[in-house]
Amino acid sequence: MANALLLGRREPFVSVQAALVVAIAAVFLAIVVARLARAWLRYRGERVIACPETRQPAGVEVDARHAAATALGGAPELRLSNCSRWPERAGCGQPCLSQIAAAPEDCLVRNILAKWYEGKTCASCGQAVGEGEWLAAQPALIGADGVSFEWSRVSADKLHETLAAARPVCFACHTAGTLVREHPDLVSDRSCRSRAN
C-alpha cells in the first residue's frame, strides 16, 4: 500500500519535470531560431560596395544562409554569393566584406533607394512618393529620355550613377505611362473629347 502511494506521488513529479524540460528546450529553440532568422534577414539582399581593387561601385550579395548558420557562435562569418565583377574576379579575397560588416544596412540597395525617395515627389503628378507606397506598389524612376522604368532593372553597380541622373515617379504614373507606351491601342484619351464639347 505504501509503495502504491509513493508511485502515485512520483507520477506528477515526473510529468512536471518533463514539462519543465520541454519548456526549457522550447525557449532555447526559440532563441536559436530567432538568432538565425535575425542574421538571415540582416544579410539578405543586394548591396552596393566600393570594390577595394577598382574603387568603383560593385553589386554584391552576401550568402545569407551561411551568415545565419554561422551566427550562433557570435559574429556571423560573411562570404559573397554573388558579385557584379564575377566570373572574371571570382577568386578575389573578398576584402569588400569589411564594408558590409561595418555598415550592413547602409549598403543595402533597398535602404539606399528608400533614402533617395525620402521627401521626393513624383515627377509626373507631383504627389509625394511616400514610404507606404513601398509596401503595396513600388515607385519607379524617370530617365533623361523621359521614359519611366522600375528600379529593379538597374544593376546595383550602376545604382548611384542612375539615381544621380533620374527623377522619381510614383507607381500609378509609371503604370499609366508603361500602358500608353506598350499598348497604345488599349488607351483612349478622353481629354480631347472633353475639350471639344
Protein backbone atom coordinates (compact mmCIF):
# COMPACT_ATOMS: atom_id res chain seq x y z
CA MET A 1 0.00 0.00 0.00
CA ALA A 2 2.83 2.40 0.87
CA ASN A 3 4.54 1.57 -2.44
CA ALA A 4 1.36 2.35 -4.32
CA LEU A 5 1.16 5.74 -2.60
CA LEU A 6 4.81 6.52 -3.45
CA LEU A 7 4.31 5.56 -7.09
CA GLY A 8 1.23 7.73 -7.26
CA ARG A 9 3.22 10.69 -5.92
CA ARG A 10 6.12 10.21 -8.37
CA GLU A 11 3.99 10.38 -11.49
CA PRO A 12 3.02 14.07 -11.09
CA PHE A 13 6.60 14.91 -10.13
CA VAL A 14 7.97 13.20 -13.27
CA SER A 15 5.39 14.90 -15.50
CA VAL A 16 6.29 18.30 -14.01
CA GLN A 17 9.97 17.58 -14.68
CA ALA A 18 9.22 16.51 -18.24
CA ALA A 19 7.12 19.62 -18.84
CA LEU A 20 9.92 21.79 -17.44
CA VAL A 21 12.50 20.12 -19.73
CA VAL A 22 10.20 20.59 -22.73
CA ALA A 23 9.61 24.26 -21.81
CA ILE A 24 13.35 24.93 -21.45
CA ALA A 25 14.05 23.20 -24.76
CA ALA A 26 11.30 25.23 -26.46
CA VAL A 27 12.72 28.51 -25.12
CA PHE A 28 16.24 27.52 -26.21
CA LEU A 29 14.97 26.54 -29.67
CA ALA A 30 13.07 29.82 -29.98
CA ILE A 31 16.24 31.78 -29.12
CA VAL A 32 18.26 29.81 -31.68
CA VAL A 33 15.65 30.26 -34.42
CA ALA A 34 15.32 33.98 -33.65
CA ARG A 35 19.10 34.46 -33.84
CA LEU A 36 19.30 32.56 -37.15
CA ALA A 37 16.37 34.49 -38.61
CA ARG A 38 17.79 37.85 -37.49
CA ALA A 39 21.15 37.10 -39.16
CA TRP A 40 19.46 35.86 -42.34
CA LEU A 41 17.24 38.96 -42.56
CA ARG A 42 20.16 41.27 -41.85
CA TYR A 43 22.42 39.90 -44.58
CA ARG A 44 19.98 39.07 -47.37
CA GLY A 45 19.52 41.38 -50.34
CA GLU A 46 21.65 43.10 -52.92
CA ARG A 47 24.22 45.65 -51.76
CA VAL A 48 26.43 48.31 -53.28
CA ILE A 49 30.05 48.47 -52.13
CA ALA A 50 33.19 50.17 -53.39
CA CYS A 51 35.41 47.46 -54.85
CA PRO A 52 38.75 47.69 -53.00
CA GLU A 53 40.60 46.80 -56.20
CA THR A 54 38.99 49.27 -58.65
CA ARG A 55 37.49 51.81 -56.20
CA GLN A 56 34.35 51.62 -58.37
CA PRO A 57 30.84 50.60 -57.25
CA ALA A 58 30.11 46.88 -57.39
CA GLY A 59 26.90 44.99 -56.74
CA VAL A 60 27.26 42.11 -54.30
CA GLU A 61 25.11 39.66 -52.39
CA VAL A 62 26.10 38.05 -49.11
CA ASP A 63 25.46 34.34 -48.66
CA ALA A 64 22.70 34.98 -46.09
CA ARG A 65 22.16 31.29 -45.30
CA HIS A 66 25.85 30.85 -44.44
CA ALA A 67 25.81 34.03 -42.36
CA ALA A 68 22.78 32.76 -40.45
CA ALA A 69 24.24 29.29 -39.95
CA THR A 70 27.45 30.72 -38.50
CA ALA A 71 25.74 33.36 -36.35
CA LEU A 72 25.16 31.03 -33.40
CA GLY A 73 28.75 31.23 -32.20
CA GLY A 74 28.85 35.03 -32.19
CA ALA A 75 29.57 37.27 -35.17
CA PRO A 76 28.44 35.64 -38.41
CA GLU A 77 31.02 34.59 -40.99
CA LEU A 78 30.39 36.60 -44.14
CA ARG A 79 31.10 35.47 -47.68
CA LEU A 80 29.73 36.57 -51.02
CA SER A 81 27.30 34.52 -53.05
CA ASN A 82 27.33 36.95 -56.00
CA CYS A 83 29.35 39.91 -57.29
CA SER A 84 28.96 42.05 -60.40
CA ARG A 85 32.68 41.54 -61.09
CA TRP A 86 32.30 37.75 -61.33
CA PRO A 87 33.17 35.42 -63.04
CA GLU A 88 36.29 37.38 -64.10
CA ARG A 89 37.30 38.18 -60.48
CA ALA A 90 35.65 35.24 -58.73
CA GLY A 91 38.88 34.29 -56.97
CA CYS A 92 39.37 37.59 -55.14
CA GLY A 93 39.86 37.57 -51.38
CA GLN A 94 36.56 39.42 -50.85
CA PRO A 95 38.06 42.31 -48.84
CA CYS A 96 34.86 44.26 -49.53
CA LEU A 97 33.17 42.22 -46.80
CA SER A 98 34.65 44.59 -44.22
CA GLN A 99 32.43 47.35 -45.64
CA ILE A 100 29.36 45.16 -45.21
CA ALA A 101 30.36 44.07 -41.71
CA ALA A 102 30.93 47.71 -40.67
CA ALA A 103 27.58 49.02 -42.00
CA PRO A 104 25.31 46.23 -43.28
CA GLU A 105 22.24 48.48 -43.53
CA ASP A 106 23.90 51.42 -45.29
CA CYS A 107 24.99 49.50 -48.38
CA LEU A 108 21.71 47.63 -48.86
CA VAL A 109 20.05 48.59 -52.17
CA ARG A 110 16.55 48.91 -50.73
CA ASN A 111 17.82 51.25 -47.98
CA ILE A 112 19.76 53.37 -50.47
CA LEU A 113 16.58 53.69 -52.55
CA ALA A 114 14.41 54.46 -49.52
CA LYS A 115 16.75 57.33 -48.57
CA TRP A 116 16.79 58.59 -52.16
CA TYR A 117 12.97 58.62 -52.45
CA GLU A 118 12.55 60.20 -48.99
CA GLY A 119 10.84 63.58 -49.23
CA LYS A 120 10.61 63.48 -53.03
CA THR A 121 7.52 63.98 -55.19
CA CYS A 122 6.50 62.28 -58.42
CA ALA A 123 7.96 63.99 -61.49
CA SER A 124 4.65 63.40 -63.34
CA CYS A 125 1.82 64.15 -60.92
CA GLY A 126 3.58 65.96 -58.07
CA GLN A 127 2.26 63.63 -55.37
CA ALA A 128 4.60 62.59 -52.57
CA VAL A 129 6.38 59.31 -53.16
CA GLY A 130 5.79 58.07 -49.63
CA GLU A 131 7.07 55.21 -47.53
CA GLY A 132 3.66 53.49 -47.56
CA GLU A 133 3.85 53.13 -51.31
CA TRP A 134 6.79 50.76 -50.99
CA LEU A 135 4.65 48.05 -49.43
CA ALA A 136 1.85 47.88 -51.98
CA ALA A 137 3.34 49.39 -55.11
CA GLN A 138 6.95 50.37 -55.62
CA PRO A 139 7.80 53.73 -57.12
CA ALA A 140 9.90 53.91 -60.27
CA LEU A 141 12.39 56.22 -61.96
CA ILE A 142 12.29 58.50 -64.99
CA GLY A 143 15.47 58.66 -67.02
CA ALA A 144 16.84 61.59 -69.02
CA ASP A 145 14.87 60.33 -72.03
CA GLY A 146 11.59 60.85 -70.14
CA VAL A 147 10.77 57.12 -70.04
CA SER A 148 9.97 55.56 -66.69
CA PHE A 149 11.44 52.25 -65.59
CA GLU A 150 11.43 50.06 -62.50
CA TRP A 151 14.44 50.45 -60.26
CA SER A 152 14.78 46.65 -60.09
CA ARG A 153 16.04 46.86 -63.70
CA VAL A 154 19.08 48.83 -62.55
CA SER A 155 22.11 46.75 -61.65
CA ALA A 156 23.49 47.53 -58.20
CA ASP A 157 26.86 48.63 -59.57
CA LYS A 158 25.08 51.32 -61.65
CA LEU A 159 22.63 52.38 -58.93
CA HIS A 160 24.35 55.57 -57.72
CA GLU A 161 25.04 56.68 -61.29
CA THR A 162 21.42 56.06 -62.31
CA LEU A 163 19.96 57.82 -59.27
CA ALA A 164 22.13 60.88 -59.95
CA ALA A 165 20.50 61.30 -63.38
CA ALA A 166 16.95 60.09 -62.63
CA ARG A 167 13.80 61.60 -61.17
CA PRO A 168 11.23 59.76 -59.02
CA VAL A 169 7.86 58.68 -60.36
CA CYS A 170 5.00 57.12 -58.40
CA PHE A 171 3.68 53.66 -59.15
CA ALA A 172 0.42 54.96 -60.69
CA CYS A 173 2.16 57.30 -63.16
CA HIS A 174 4.73 54.65 -64.04
CA THR A 175 1.98 52.08 -64.68
CA ALA A 176 -0.06 54.52 -66.78
CA GLY A 177 2.99 55.57 -68.80
CA THR A 178 4.01 51.96 -69.40
CA LEU A 179 0.48 51.10 -70.56
CA VAL A 180 0.45 54.01 -73.02
CA ARG A 181 3.91 53.07 -74.32
CA GLU A 182 3.40 49.34 -74.63
CA HIS A 183 -0.32 49.15 -75.52
CA PRO A 184 -1.40 52.41 -77.20
CA ASP A 185 -4.31 50.56 -78.85
CA LEU A 186 -5.86 49.96 -75.41
CA VAL A 187 -5.71 53.61 -74.34
CA SER A 188 -8.24 56.28 -75.22
CA ASP A 189 -7.50 59.94 -74.50
CA ARG A 190 -10.71 61.44 -73.16
CA SER A 191 -9.17 64.84 -72.52
CA CYS A 192 -9.53 65.72 -76.24
CA ARG A 193 -13.24 64.82 -76.26
CA SER A 194 -13.98 66.92 -73.17
CA ARG A 195 -12.29 69.96 -74.73
CA ALA A 196 -14.30 69.57 -77.95
CA ASN A 197 -17.62 69.61 -76.03
